[in-house]
């Protein structure tokens, strides 16, 4: 049997403000939290890439069988950007977001979520 993705995926993007600088600068701990968040929602991790910036800052990209997830820190602003896209279905990524929110304890969050329709027969597709 050949796997066929659902016609609707989910994309979450957010900026978490007011994250303690100690957390943002502890890159190994951030990696652990990020990977654990993805495992909690049963994502299949294929590969991971990360980069530490000088004098500070960190980026991590996770390739998933279901698509991808990213994390980028802004320690100078006590902020972190997180995004995830999953082709597994319209609810995916919410548990990852909630796990990160709990572990990072931001003071506020700018959050957006978008259903991504990959089959024109299942949504309000507009030609552009």
PDB file of N, CA and C in Angstrom:
ATOM      1  N   UNK A   1       0.841  -1.182   0.000  1.00  0.00           N
ATOM      2  CA  UNK A   1       0.000   0.000   0.000  1.00  0.00           C
ATOM      3  C   UNK A   1       0.887   1.247   0.000  1.00  0.00           C
ATOM      4  N   UNK A   2       0.546   2.207  -0.818  1.00  0.00           N
ATOM      5  CA  UNK A   2       1.292   3.452  -0.934  1.00  0.00           C
ATOM      6  C   UNK A   2       0.659   4.504  -0.020  1.00  0.00           C
ATOM      7  N   UNK A   3       1.516   5.200   0.762  1.00  0.00           N
ATOM      8  CA  UNK A   3       1.021   6.254   1.656  1.00  0.00           C
ATOM      9  C   UNK A   3       0.575   7.464   0.841  1.00  0.00           C
ATOM     10  N   UNK A   4      -0.540   8.039   1.229  1.00  0.00           N
ATOM     11  CA  UNK A   4      -1.033   9.263   0.603  1.00  0.00           C
ATOM     12  C   UNK A   4      -1.304  10.269   1.713  1.00  0.00           C
ATOM     13  N   UNK A   5      -0.661  11.436   1.624  1.00  0.00           N
ATOM     14  CA  UNK A   5      -0.852  12.491   2.621  1.00  0.00           C
ATOM     15  C   UNK A   5      -2.278  13.005   2.597  1.00  0.00           C
ATOM     16  N   UNK A   6      -2.759  13.485   3.748  1.00  0.00           N
ATOM     17  CA  UNK A   6      -4.063  14.160   3.750  1.00  0.00           C
ATOM     18  C   UNK A   6      -4.000  15.400   2.853  1.00  0.00           C
ATOM     19  N   UNK A   7      -5.138  15.870   2.364  1.00  0.00           N
ATOM     20  CA  UNK A   7      -5.153  17.033   1.474  1.00  0.00           C
ATOM     21  C   UNK A   7      -4.902  18.361   2.200  1.00  0.00           C
ATOM     22  N   UNK A   8      -4.880  18.326   3.535  1.00  0.00           N
ATOM     23  CA  UNK A   8      -4.692  19.547   4.318  1.00  0.00           C
ATOM     24  C   UNK A   8      -3.562  19.338   5.320  1.00  0.00           C
ATOM     25  N   UNK A   9      -2.595  20.254   5.306  1.00  0.00           N
ATOM     26  CA  UNK A   9      -1.513  20.244   6.279  1.00  0.00           C
ATOM     27  C   UNK A   9      -1.698  21.382   7.260  1.00  0.00           C
ATOM     28  N   UNK A  10      -0.756  21.527   8.173  1.00  0.00           N
ATOM     29  CA  UNK A  10      -0.847  22.586   9.173  1.00  0.00           C
ATOM     30  C   UNK A  10       0.496  23.282   9.319  1.00  0.00           C
ATOM     31  N   UNK A  11       0.429  24.608   9.398  1.00  0.00           N
ATOM     32  CA  UNK A  11       1.631  25.428   9.561  1.00  0.00           C
ATOM     33  C   UNK A  11       1.444  26.322  10.784  1.00  0.00           C
ATOM     34  N   UNK A  12       2.390  26.229  11.702  1.00  0.00           N
ATOM     35  CA  UNK A  12       2.381  27.065  12.902  1.00  0.00           C
ATOM     36  C   UNK A  12       3.651  27.892  12.902  1.00  0.00           C
ATOM     37  N   UNK A  13       3.509  29.157  13.237  1.00  0.00           N
ATOM     38  CA  UNK A  13       4.646  30.054  13.353  1.00  0.00           C
ATOM     39  C   UNK A  13       4.404  30.962  14.552  1.00  0.00           C
ATOM     40  N   UNK A  14       5.443  31.189  15.337  1.00  0.00           N
ATOM     41  CA  UNK A  14       5.262  32.087  16.467  1.00  0.00           C
ATOM     42  C   UNK A  14       6.580  32.712  16.886  1.00  0.00           C
ATOM     43  N   UNK A  15       6.460  33.843  17.550  1.00  0.00           N
ATOM     44  CA  UNK A  15       7.585  34.462  18.233  1.00  0.00           C
ATOM     45  C   UNK A  15       7.232  34.455  19.704  1.00  0.00           C
ATOM     46  N   UNK A  16       8.142  33.904  20.499  1.00  0.00           N
ATOM     47  CA  UNK A  16       7.977  33.885  21.949  1.00  0.00           C
ATOM     48  C   UNK A  16       8.856  34.987  22.518  1.00  0.00           C
ATOM     49  N   UNK A  17       8.224  35.917  23.223  1.00  0.00           N
ATOM     50  CA  UNK A  17       8.920  37.066  23.810  1.00  0.00           C
ATOM     51  C   UNK A  17       9.157  36.833  25.302  1.00  0.00           C
ATOM     52  N   UNK A  18      10.171  37.495  25.828  1.00  0.00           N
ATOM     53  CA  UNK A  18      10.406  37.433  27.268  1.00  0.00           C
ATOM     54  C   UNK A  18      10.954  36.098  27.751  1.00  0.00           C
ATOM     55  N   UNK A  19      11.669  35.382  26.890  1.00  0.00           N
ATOM     56  CA  UNK A  19      12.317  34.134  27.292  1.00  0.00           C
ATOM     57  C   UNK A  19      13.644  34.490  27.956  1.00  0.00           C
ATOM     58  N   UNK A  20      13.934  33.855  29.063  1.00  0.00           N
ATOM     59  CA  UNK A  20      15.161  34.167  29.795  1.00  0.00           C
ATOM     60  C   UNK A  20      16.388  33.921  28.921  1.00  0.00           C
ATOM     61  N   UNK A  21      17.314  34.862  28.993  1.00  0.00           N
ATOM     62  CA  UNK A  21      18.526  34.782  28.178  1.00  0.00           C
ATOM     63  C   UNK A  21      19.334  33.524  28.493  1.00  0.00           C
ATOM     64  N   UNK A  22      19.306  33.075  29.751  1.00  0.00           N
ATOM     65  CA  UNK A  22      20.030  31.849  30.122  1.00  0.00           C
ATOM     66  C   UNK A  22      19.499  30.656  29.325  1.00  0.00           C
ATOM     67  N   UNK A  23      18.206  30.628  29.104  1.00  0.00           N
ATOM     68  CA  UNK A  23      17.603  29.535  28.322  1.00  0.00           C
ATOM     69  C   UNK A  23      18.023  29.654  26.865  1.00  0.00           C
ATOM     70  N   UNK A  24      17.941  30.856  26.317  1.00  0.00           N
ATOM     71  CA  UNK A  24      18.260  31.073  24.909  1.00  0.00           C
ATOM     72  C   UNK A  24      19.726  30.803  24.599  1.00  0.00           C
ATOM     73  N   UNK A  25      20.596  30.984  25.577  1.00  0.00           N
ATOM     74  CA  UNK A  25      22.030  30.774  25.356  1.00  0.00           C
ATOM     75  C   UNK A  25      22.494  29.361  25.683  1.00  0.00           C
ATOM     76  N   UNK A  26      21.625  28.525  26.206  1.00  0.00           N
ATOM     77  CA  UNK A  26      21.961  27.139  26.511  1.00  0.00           C
ATOM     78  C   UNK A  26      21.512  26.270  25.329  1.00  0.00           C
ATOM     79  N   UNK A  27      22.341  26.217  24.305  1.00  0.00           N
ATOM     80  CA  UNK A  27      21.965  25.588  23.044  1.00  0.00           C
ATOM     81  C   UNK A  27      21.708  24.088  23.177  1.00  0.00           C
ATOM     82  N   UNK A  28      22.489  23.405  23.982  1.00  0.00           N
ATOM     83  CA  UNK A  28      22.274  21.964  24.169  1.00  0.00           C
ATOM     84  C   UNK A  28      20.913  21.701  24.810  1.00  0.00           C
ATOM     85  N   UNK A  29      20.566  22.514  25.797  1.00  0.00           N
ATOM     86  CA  UNK A  29      19.262  22.354  26.451  1.00  0.00           C
ATOM     87  C   UNK A  29      18.123  22.676  25.482  1.00  0.00           C
ATOM     88  N   UNK A  30      18.295  23.708  24.658  1.00  0.00           N
ATOM     89  CA  UNK A  30      17.282  24.040  23.647  1.00  0.00           C
ATOM     90  C   UNK A  30      17.092  22.881  22.670  1.00  0.00           C
ATOM     91  N   UNK A  31      18.201  22.272  22.246  1.00  0.00           N
ATOM     92  CA  UNK A  31      18.109  21.111  21.347  1.00  0.00           C
ATOM     93  C   UNK A  31      17.297  20.000  22.003  1.00  0.00           C
ATOM     94  N   UNK A  32      17.601  19.705  23.253  1.00  0.00           N
ATOM     95  CA  UNK A  32      16.891  18.646  23.977  1.00  0.00           C
ATOM     96  C   UNK A  32      15.400  18.938  24.061  1.00  0.00           C
ATOM     97  N   UNK A  33      15.050  20.174  24.403  1.00  0.00           N
ATOM     98  CA  UNK A  33      13.647  20.560  24.515  1.00  0.00           C
ATOM     99  C   UNK A  33      12.939  20.432  23.170  1.00  0.00           C
ATOM    100  N   UNK A  34      13.572  20.928  22.118  1.00  0.00           N
ATOM    101  CA  UNK A  34      12.980  20.916  20.782  1.00  0.00           C
ATOM    102  C   UNK A  34      12.754  19.477  20.302  1.00  0.00           C
ATOM    103  N   UNK A  35      13.764  18.640  20.450  1.00  0.00           N
ATOM    104  CA  UNK A  35      13.637  17.247  20.016  1.00  0.00           C
ATOM    105  C   UNK A  35      12.592  16.504  20.840  1.00  0.00           C
ATOM    106  N   UNK A  36      12.560  16.759  22.137  1.00  0.00           N
ATOM    107  CA  UNK A  36      11.557  16.113  22.991  1.00  0.00           C
ATOM    108  C   UNK A  36      10.145  16.560  22.602  1.00  0.00           C
ATOM    109  N   UNK A  37       9.978  17.833  22.289  1.00  0.00           N
ATOM    110  CA  UNK A  37       8.669  18.343  21.869  1.00  0.00           C
ATOM    111  C   UNK A  37       8.183  17.603  20.618  1.00  0.00           C
ATOM    112  N   UNK A  38       9.073  17.399  19.666  1.00  0.00           N
ATOM    113  CA  UNK A  38       8.705  16.704  18.431  1.00  0.00           C
ATOM    114  C   UNK A  38       8.391  15.230  18.699  1.00  0.00           C
ATOM    115  N   UNK A  39       9.153  14.621  19.578  1.00  0.00           N
ATOM    116  CA  UNK A  39       8.902  13.214  19.921  1.00  0.00           C
ATOM    117  C   UNK A  39       7.568  13.054  20.648  1.00  0.00           C
ATOM    118  N   UNK A  40       7.211  14.042  21.472  1.00  0.00           N
ATOM    119  CA  UNK A  40       5.944  13.975  22.216  1.00  0.00           C
ATOM    120  C   UNK A  40       4.742  13.889  21.264  1.00  0.00           C
ATOM    121  N   UNK A  41       4.894  14.475  20.069  1.00  0.00           N
ATOM    122  CA  UNK A  41       3.799  14.446  19.099  1.00  0.00           C
ATOM    123  C   UNK A  41       4.031  13.398  18.010  1.00  0.00           C
ATOM    124  N   UNK A  42       4.968  12.514  18.274  1.00  0.00           N
ATOM    125  CA  UNK A  42       5.242  11.374  17.383  1.00  0.00           C
ATOM    126  C   UNK A  42       5.690  11.759  15.981  1.00  0.00           C
ATOM    127  N   UNK A  43       6.450  12.845  15.877  1.00  0.00           N
ATOM    128  CA  UNK A  43       7.054  13.179  14.592  1.00  0.00           C
ATOM    129  C   UNK A  43       8.260  12.276  14.360  1.00  0.00           C
ATOM    130  N   UNK A  44       8.534  11.996  13.097  1.00  0.00           N
ATOM    131  CA  UNK A  44       9.667  11.166  12.720  1.00  0.00           C
ATOM    132  C   UNK A  44      10.818  12.074  12.303  1.00  0.00           C
ATOM    133  N   UNK A  45      11.857  12.112  13.116  1.00  0.00           N
ATOM    134  CA  UNK A  45      13.011  12.979  12.861  1.00  0.00           C
ATOM    135  C   UNK A  45      13.955  12.264  11.903  1.00  0.00           C
ATOM    136  N   UNK A  46      14.189  12.894  10.750  1.00  0.00           N
ATOM    137  CA  UNK A  46      15.081  12.326   9.750  1.00  0.00           C
ATOM    138  C   UNK A  46      16.502  12.849   9.888  1.00  0.00           C
ATOM    139  N   UNK A  47      16.611  14.142  10.172  1.00  0.00           N
ATOM    140  CA  UNK A  47      17.921  14.765  10.285  1.00  0.00           C
ATOM    141  C   UNK A  47      17.776  16.081  11.020  1.00  0.00           C
ATOM    142  N   UNK A  48      18.901  16.597  11.504  1.00  0.00           N
ATOM    143  CA  UNK A  48      18.880  17.880  12.188  1.00  0.00           C
ATOM    144  C   UNK A  48      20.153  18.652  11.881  1.00  0.00           C
ATOM    145  N   UNK A  49      19.996  19.950  11.808  1.00  0.00           N
ATOM    146  CA  UNK A  49      21.107  20.841  11.538  1.00  0.00           C
ATOM    147  C   UNK A  49      21.006  22.002  12.525  1.00  0.00           C
ATOM    148  N   UNK A  50      22.142  22.446  13.019  1.00  0.00           N
ATOM    149  CA  UNK A  50      22.111  23.609  13.900  1.00  0.00           C
ATOM    150  C   UNK A  50      23.354  24.451  13.677  1.00  0.00           C
ATOM    151  N   UNK A  51      23.244  25.705  14.076  1.00  0.00           N
ATOM    152  CA  UNK A  51      24.364  26.635  13.944  1.00  0.00           C
ATOM    153  C   UNK A  51      24.337  27.603  15.122  1.00  0.00           C
ATOM    154  N   UNK A  52      25.494  27.821  15.709  1.00  0.00           N
ATOM    155  CA  UNK A  52      25.645  28.793  16.786  1.00  0.00           C
ATOM    156  C   UNK A  52      26.306  30.044  16.206  1.00  0.00           C
ATOM    157  N   UNK A  53      25.682  31.190  16.449  1.00  0.00           N
ATOM    158  CA  UNK A  53      26.194  32.453  15.940  1.00  0.00           C
ATOM    159  C   UNK A  53      27.090  33.115  16.978  1.00  0.00           C
ATOM    160  N   UNK A  54      28.022  33.933  16.501  1.00  0.00           N
ATOM    161  CA  UNK A  54      28.881  34.731  17.374  1.00  0.00           C
ATOM    162  C   UNK A  54      28.423  36.177  17.291  1.00  0.00           C
ATOM    163  N   UNK A  55      28.278  36.885  18.377  1.00  0.00           N
ATOM    164  CA  UNK A  55      28.623  36.458  19.726  1.00  0.00           C
ATOM    165  C   UNK A  55      27.537  35.606  20.392  1.00  0.00           C
ATOM    166  N   UNK A  56      26.308  35.638  19.855  1.00  0.00           N
ATOM    167  CA  UNK A  56      25.250  34.821  20.436  1.00  0.00           C
ATOM    168  C   UNK A  56      24.139  34.628  19.418  1.00  0.00           C
ATOM    169  N   UNK A  57      23.340  33.608  19.648  1.00  0.00           N
ATOM    170  CA  UNK A  57      22.251  33.266  18.739  1.00  0.00           C
ATOM    171  C   UNK A  57      22.388  31.831  18.278  1.00  0.00           C
ATOM    172  N   UNK A  58      21.270  31.231  17.933  1.00  0.00           N
ATOM    173  CA  UNK A  58      21.237  29.805  17.620  1.00  0.00           C
ATOM    174  C   UNK A  58      20.090  29.522  16.658  1.00  0.00           C
ATOM    175  N   UNK A  59      20.357  28.668  15.668  1.00  0.00           N
ATOM    176  CA  UNK A  59      19.335  28.224  14.726  1.00  0.00           C
ATOM    177  C   UNK A  59      19.363  26.709  14.667  1.00  0.00           C
ATOM    178  N   UNK A  60      18.177  26.110  14.603  1.00  0.00           N
ATOM    179  CA  UNK A  60      18.083  24.665  14.452  1.00  0.00           C
ATOM    180  C   UNK A  60      16.974  24.342  13.465  1.00  0.00           C
ATOM    181  N   UNK A  61      17.290  23.444  12.548  1.00  0.00           N
ATOM    182  CA  UNK A  61      16.335  22.995  11.542  1.00  0.00           C
ATOM    183  C   UNK A  61      16.220  21.486  11.669  1.00  0.00           C
ATOM    184  N   UNK A  62      14.994  21.011  11.768  1.00  0.00           N
ATOM    185  CA  UNK A  62      14.743  19.578  11.880  1.00  0.00           C
ATOM    186  C   UNK A  62      13.994  19.120  10.638  1.00  0.00           C
ATOM    187  N   UNK A  63      14.584  18.169   9.928  1.00  0.00           N
ATOM    188  CA  UNK A  63      13.883  17.546   8.807  1.00  0.00           C
ATOM    189  C   UNK A  63      13.027  16.423   9.379  1.00  0.00           C
ATOM    190  N   UNK A  64      11.757  16.459   9.062  1.00  0.00           N
ATOM    191  CA  UNK A  64      10.814  15.449   9.531  1.00  0.00           C
ATOM    192  C   UNK A  64      10.300  14.642   8.347  1.00  0.00           C
ATOM    193  N   UNK A  65       9.926  13.399   8.586  1.00  0.00           N
ATOM    194  CA  UNK A  65       9.258  12.633   7.536  1.00  0.00           C
ATOM    195  C   UNK A  65       7.973  13.350   7.140  1.00  0.00           C
ATOM    196  N   UNK A  66       7.402  14.108   8.097  1.00  0.00           N
ATOM    197  CA  UNK A  66       6.150  14.832   7.879  1.00  0.00           C
ATOM    198  C   UNK A  66       6.374  16.241   7.327  1.00  0.00           C
ATOM    199  N   UNK A  67       7.594  16.742   7.278  1.00  0.00           N
ATOM    200  CA  UNK A  67       8.025  17.990   6.663  1.00  0.00           C
ATOM    201  C   UNK A  67       9.179  18.606   7.434  1.00  0.00           C
ATOM    202  N   UNK A  68       8.973  19.715   8.190  1.00  0.00           N
ATOM    203  CA  UNK A  68      10.111  20.370   8.836  1.00  0.00           C
ATOM    204  C   UNK A  68       9.673  21.222  10.030  1.00  0.00           C
ATOM    205  N   UNK A  69      10.657  21.523  10.894  1.00  0.00           N
ATOM    206  CA  UNK A  69      10.443  22.413  12.037  1.00  0.00           C
ATOM    207  C   UNK A  69      11.714  23.236  12.228  1.00  0.00           C
ATOM    208  N   UNK A  70      11.549  24.488  12.657  1.00  0.00           N
ATOM    209  CA  UNK A  70      12.705  25.373  12.847  1.00  0.00           C
ATOM    210  C   UNK A  70      12.587  26.144  14.155  1.00  0.00           C
ATOM    211  N   UNK A  71      13.752  26.546  14.630  1.00  0.00           N
ATOM    212  CA  UNK A  71      13.835  27.343  15.848  1.00  0.00           C
ATOM    213  C   UNK A  71      14.993  28.320  15.656  1.00  0.00           C
ATOM    214  N   UNK A  72      14.796  29.567  16.009  1.00  0.00           N
ATOM    215  CA  UNK A  72      15.851  30.578  15.895  1.00  0.00           C
ATOM    216  C   UNK A  72      15.756  31.507  17.097  1.00  0.00           C
ATOM    217  N   UNK A  73      16.894  31.729  17.756  1.00  0.00           N
ATOM    218  CA  UNK A  73      16.893  32.574  18.948  1.00  0.00           C
ATOM    219  C   UNK A  73      17.383  33.985  18.643  1.00  0.00           C
ATOM    220  N   UNK A  74      16.887  34.916  19.450  1.00  0.00           N
ATOM    221  CA  UNK A  74      17.313  36.314  19.456  1.00  0.00           C
ATOM    222  C   UNK A  74      17.586  36.693  20.910  1.00  0.00           C
ATOM    223  N   UNK A  75      18.711  36.215  21.483  1.00  0.00           N
ATOM    224  CA  UNK A  75      18.972  36.466  22.909  1.00  0.00           C
ATOM    225  C   UNK A  75      19.032  37.954  23.251  1.00  0.00           C
ATOM    226  N   UNK A  76      19.480  38.758  22.313  1.00  0.00           N
ATOM    227  CA  UNK A  76      19.571  40.199  22.568  1.00  0.00           C
ATOM    228  C   UNK A  76      18.202  40.841  22.762  1.00  0.00           C
ATOM    229  N   UNK A  77      17.144  40.143  22.325  1.00  0.00           N
ATOM    230  CA  UNK A  77      15.774  40.627  22.497  1.00  0.00           C
ATOM    231  C   UNK A  77      14.948  39.694  23.389  1.00  0.00           C
ATOM    232  N   UNK A  78      15.577  38.690  23.962  1.00  0.00           N
ATOM    233  CA  UNK A  78      14.885  37.687  24.782  1.00  0.00           C
ATOM    234  C   UNK A  78      13.736  37.044  24.020  1.00  0.00           C
ATOM    235  N   UNK A  79      13.975  36.766  22.737  1.00  0.00           N
ATOM    236  CA  UNK A  79      12.938  36.221  21.867  1.00  0.00           C
ATOM    237  C   UNK A  79      13.403  34.970  21.141  1.00  0.00           C
ATOM    238  N   UNK A  80      12.425  34.194  20.717  1.00  0.00           N
ATOM    239  CA  UNK A  80      12.680  32.968  19.979  1.00  0.00           C
ATOM    240  C   UNK A  80      11.586  32.803  18.931  1.00  0.00           C
ATOM    241  N   UNK A  81      11.985  32.467  17.716  1.00  0.00           N
ATOM    242  CA  UNK A  81      11.013  32.180  16.654  1.00  0.00           C
ATOM    243  C   UNK A  81      10.963  30.664  16.459  1.00  0.00           C
ATOM    244  N   UNK A  82       9.739  30.131  16.373  1.00  0.00           N
ATOM    245  CA  UNK A  82       9.512  28.710  16.141  1.00  0.00           C
ATOM    246  C   UNK A  82       8.532  28.559  14.997  1.00  0.00           C
ATOM    247  N   UNK A  83       8.793  27.586  14.123  1.00  0.00           N
ATOM    248  CA  UNK A  83       7.817  27.275  13.081  1.00  0.00           C
ATOM    249  C   UNK A  83       7.839  25.774  12.810  1.00  0.00           C
ATOM    250  N   UNK A  84       6.701  25.291  12.362  1.00  0.00           N
ATOM    251  CA  UNK A  84       6.573  23.886  11.983  1.00  0.00           C
ATOM    252  C   UNK A  84       5.532  23.782  10.881  1.00  0.00           C
ATOM    253  N   UNK A  85       5.819  22.920   9.922  1.00  0.00           N
ATOM    254  CA  UNK A  85       4.824  22.553   8.920  1.00  0.00           C
ATOM    255  C   UNK A  85       4.737  21.037   8.909  1.00  0.00           C
ATOM    256  N   UNK A  86       3.525  20.521   8.874  1.00  0.00           N
ATOM    257  CA  UNK A  86       3.310  19.084   8.814  1.00  0.00           C
ATOM    258  C   UNK A  86       2.246  18.754   7.782  1.00  0.00           C
ATOM    259  N   UNK A  87       2.532  17.730   7.003  1.00  0.00           N
ATOM    260  CA  UNK A  87       1.568  17.253   6.009  1.00  0.00           C
ATOM    261  C   UNK A  87       0.703  16.133   6.562  1.00  0.00           C
ATOM    262  N   UNK A  88       0.822  15.859   7.867  1.00  0.00           N
ATOM    263  CA  UNK A  88       0.088  14.742   8.472  1.00  0.00           C
ATOM    264  C   UNK A  88      -1.383  15.058   8.716  1.00  0.00           C
ATOM    265  N   UNK A  89      -1.713  16.341   8.816  1.00  0.00           N
ATOM    266  CA  UNK A  89      -3.107  16.692   9.043  1.00  0.00           C
ATOM    267  C   UNK A  89      -3.265  18.085   9.622  1.00  0.00           C
ATOM    268  N   UNK A  90      -4.499  18.561   9.703  1.00  0.00           N
ATOM    269  CA  UNK A  90      -4.767  19.946  10.075  1.00  0.00           C
ATOM    270  C   UNK A  90      -4.546  20.296  11.546  1.00  0.00           C
ATOM    271  N   UNK A  91      -4.296  19.343  12.413  1.00  0.00           N
ATOM    272  CA  UNK A  91      -4.100  19.649  13.831  1.00  0.00           C
ATOM    273  C   UNK A  91      -2.635  19.518  14.266  1.00  0.00           C
ATOM    274  N   UNK A  92      -1.787  19.063  13.386  1.00  0.00           N
ATOM    275  CA  UNK A  92      -0.399  18.775  13.743  1.00  0.00           C
ATOM    276  C   UNK A  92       0.383  20.012  14.181  1.00  0.00           C
ATOM    277  N   UNK A  93       1.278  19.781  15.115  1.00  0.00           N
ATOM    278  CA  UNK A  93       2.186  20.826  15.591  1.00  0.00           C
ATOM    279  C   UNK A  93       1.724  21.518  16.852  1.00  0.00           C
ATOM    280  N   UNK A  94       0.458  21.399  17.194  1.00  0.00           N
ATOM    281  CA  UNK A  94      -0.066  22.104  18.370  1.00  0.00           C
ATOM    282  C   UNK A  94       0.564  21.604  19.662  1.00  0.00           C
ATOM    283  N   UNK A  95       0.776  20.293  19.771  1.00  0.00           N
ATOM    284  CA  UNK A  95       1.393  19.746  20.980  1.00  0.00           C
ATOM    285  C   UNK A  95       2.852  20.184  21.090  1.00  0.00           C
ATOM    286  N   UNK A  96       3.530  20.300  19.959  1.00  0.00           N
ATOM    287  CA  UNK A  96       4.914  20.786  19.962  1.00  0.00           C
ATOM    288  C   UNK A  96       4.947  22.218  20.485  1.00  0.00           C
ATOM    289  N   UNK A  97       4.060  23.050  19.952  1.00  0.00           N
ATOM    290  CA  UNK A  97       3.971  24.441  20.394  1.00  0.00           C
ATOM    291  C   UNK A  97       3.695  24.518  21.900  1.00  0.00           C
ATOM    292  N   UNK A  98       2.725  23.762  22.376  1.00  0.00           N
ATOM    293  CA  UNK A  98       2.366  23.788  23.798  1.00  0.00           C
ATOM    294  C   UNK A  98       3.527  23.317  24.680  1.00  0.00           C
ATOM    295  N   UNK A  99       4.245  22.300  24.244  1.00  0.00           N
ATOM    296  CA  UNK A  99       5.394  21.797  24.985  1.00  0.00           C
ATOM    297  C   UNK A  99       6.473  22.881  25.081  1.00  0.00           C
ATOM    298  N   UNK A 100       6.782  23.525  23.959  1.00  0.00           N
ATOM    299  CA  UNK A 100       7.784  24.598  23.960  1.00  0.00           C
ATOM    300  C   UNK A 100       7.352  25.758  24.850  1.00  0.00           C
ATOM    301  N   UNK A 101       6.086  26.118  24.756  1.00  0.00           N
ATOM    302  CA  UNK A 101       5.555  27.217  25.578  1.00  0.00           C
ATOM    303  C   UNK A 101       5.728  26.899  27.061  1.00  0.00           C
ATOM    304  N   UNK A 102       5.425  25.675  27.438  1.00  0.00           N
ATOM    305  CA  UNK A 102       5.552  25.275  28.840  1.00  0.00           C
ATOM    306  C   UNK A 102       7.014  25.305  29.305  1.00  0.00           C
ATOM    307  N   UNK A 103       7.923  24.792  28.474  1.00  0.00           N
ATOM    308  CA  UNK A 103       9.334  24.689  28.866  1.00  0.00           C
ATOM    309  C   UNK A 103      10.085  26.018  28.807  1.00  0.00           C
ATOM    310  N   UNK A 104       9.685  26.908  27.901  1.00  0.00           N
ATOM    311  CA  UNK A 104      10.414  28.168  27.714  1.00  0.00           C
ATOM    312  C   UNK A 104       9.821  29.332  28.503  1.00  0.00           C
ATOM    313  N   UNK A 105       8.602  29.198  28.952  1.00  0.00           N
ATOM    314  CA  UNK A 105       7.922  30.204  29.789  1.00  0.00           C
ATOM    315  C   UNK A 105       8.032  31.634  29.262  1.00  0.00           C
ATOM    316  N   UNK A 106       7.604  31.875  28.027  1.00  0.00           N
ATOM    317  CA  UNK A 106       7.655  33.254  27.514  1.00  0.00           C
ATOM    318  C   UNK A 106       6.639  34.143  28.221  1.00  0.00           C
ATOM    319  N   UNK A 107       6.907  35.447  28.225  1.00  0.00           N
ATOM    320  CA  UNK A 107       5.956  36.386  28.831  1.00  0.00           C
ATOM    321  C   UNK A 107       4.789  36.674  27.891  1.00  0.00           C
ATOM    322  N   UNK A 108       5.033  36.581  26.573  1.00  0.00           N
ATOM    323  CA  UNK A 108       3.962  36.753  25.588  1.00  0.00           C
ATOM    324  C   UNK A 108       4.355  36.042  24.298  1.00  0.00           C
ATOM    325  N   UNK A 109       3.344  35.837  23.445  1.00  0.00           N
ATOM    326  CA  UNK A 109       3.550  35.079  22.205  1.00  0.00           C
ATOM    327  C   UNK A 109       2.755  35.718  21.073  1.00  0.00           C
ATOM    328  N   UNK A 110       3.400  35.859  19.926  1.00  0.00           N
ATOM    329  CA  UNK A 110       2.724  36.238  18.691  1.00  0.00           C
ATOM    330  C   UNK A 110       2.577  34.938  17.891  1.00  0.00           C
ATOM    331  N   UNK A 111       1.353  34.409  17.792  1.00  0.00           N
ATOM    332  CA  UNK A 111       1.086  33.078  17.262  1.00  0.00           C
ATOM    333  C   UNK A 111       0.247  33.149  15.995  1.00  0.00           C
ATOM    334  N   UNK A 112       0.602  32.339  15.006  1.00  0.00           N
ATOM    335  CA  UNK A 112      -0.267  32.208  13.830  1.00  0.00           C
ATOM    336  C   UNK A 112      -0.302  30.742  13.411  1.00  0.00           C
ATOM    337  N   UNK A 113      -1.448  30.344  12.915  1.00  0.00           N
ATOM    338  CA  UNK A 113      -1.647  28.977  12.456  1.00  0.00           C
ATOM    339  C   UNK A 113      -2.430  29.040  11.152  1.00  0.00           C
ATOM    340  N   UNK A 114      -2.021  28.206  10.227  1.00  0.00           N
ATOM    341  CA  UNK A 114      -2.654  28.230   8.911  1.00  0.00           C
ATOM    342  C   UNK A 114      -2.849  26.799   8.408  1.00  0.00           C
ATOM    343  N   UNK A 115      -4.050  26.509   7.971  1.00  0.00           N
ATOM    344  CA  UNK A 115      -4.310  25.249   7.294  1.00  0.00           C
ATOM    345  C   UNK A 115      -3.764  25.396   5.878  1.00  0.00           C
ATOM    346  N   UNK A 116      -2.972  24.446   5.457  1.00  0.00           N
ATOM    347  CA  UNK A 116      -2.375  24.491   4.128  1.00  0.00           C
ATOM    348  C   UNK A 116      -3.055  23.433   3.266  1.00  0.00           C
ATOM    349  N   UNK A 117      -3.767  23.906   2.272  1.00  0.00           N
ATOM    350  CA  UNK A 117      -4.526  23.011   1.399  1.00  0.00           C
ATOM    351  C   UNK A 117      -3.658  22.676   0.191  1.00  0.00           C
ATOM    352  N   UNK A 118      -3.319  21.399   0.056  1.00  0.00           N
ATOM    353  CA  UNK A 118      -2.449  20.975  -1.033  1.00  0.00           C
ATOM    354  C   UNK A 118      -3.220  20.317  -2.176  1.00  0.00           C
ATOM    355  N   UNK A 119      -4.505  20.151  -1.988  1.00  0.00           N
ATOM    356  CA  UNK A 119      -5.372  19.590  -3.029  1.00  0.00           C
ATOM    357  C   UNK A 119      -6.518  20.575  -3.242  1.00  0.00           C
ATOM    358  N   UNK A 120      -6.544  21.215  -4.388  1.00  0.00           N
ATOM    359  CA  UNK A 120      -7.503  22.272  -4.690  1.00  0.00           C
ATOM    360  C   UNK A 120      -8.954  21.809  -4.502  1.00  0.00           C
ATOM    361  N   UNK A 121      -9.209  20.541  -4.557  1.00  0.00           N
ATOM    362  CA  UNK A 121     -10.581  20.027  -4.409  1.00  0.00           C
ATOM    363  C   UNK A 121     -11.072  20.091  -2.962  1.00  0.00           C
ATOM    364  N   UNK A 122     -10.194  20.436  -2.012  1.00  0.00           N
ATOM    365  CA  UNK A 122     -10.559  20.423  -0.600  1.00  0.00           C
ATOM    366  C   UNK A 122     -10.548  21.790   0.062  1.00  0.00           C
ATOM    367  N   UNK A 123     -10.633  22.857  -0.688  1.00  0.00           N
ATOM    368  CA  UNK A 123     -10.608  24.159  -0.047  1.00  0.00           C
ATOM    369  C   UNK A 123     -10.968  25.291  -0.980  1.00  0.00           C
ATOM    370  N   UNK A 124     -10.803  26.466  -0.466  1.00  0.00           N
ATOM    371  CA  UNK A 124     -11.100  27.685  -1.218  1.00  0.00           C
ATOM    372  C   UNK A 124      -9.840  28.159  -1.939  1.00  0.00           C
ATOM    373  N   UNK A 125      -9.448  27.457  -2.951  1.00  0.00           N
ATOM    374  CA  UNK A 125      -8.254  27.795  -3.720  1.00  0.00           C
ATOM    375  C   UNK A 125      -8.553  28.967  -4.636  1.00  0.00           C
ATOM    376  N   UNK A 126      -7.621  29.906  -4.670  1.00  0.00           N
ATOM    377  CA  UNK A 126      -7.760  31.065  -5.554  1.00  0.00           C
ATOM    378  C   UNK A 126      -6.588  31.081  -6.531  1.00  0.00           C
ATOM    379  N   UNK A 127      -6.889  31.256  -7.790  1.00  0.00           N
ATOM    380  CA  UNK A 127      -5.825  31.390  -8.786  1.00  0.00           C
ATOM    381  C   UNK A 127      -5.200  32.761  -8.659  1.00  0.00           C
ATOM    382  N   UNK A 128      -3.877  32.797  -8.671  1.00  0.00           N
ATOM    383  CA  UNK A 128      -3.180  34.097  -8.635  1.00  0.00           C
ATOM    384  C   UNK A 128      -2.243  34.245  -9.773  1.00  0.00           C
TER     385      UNK A 128
END
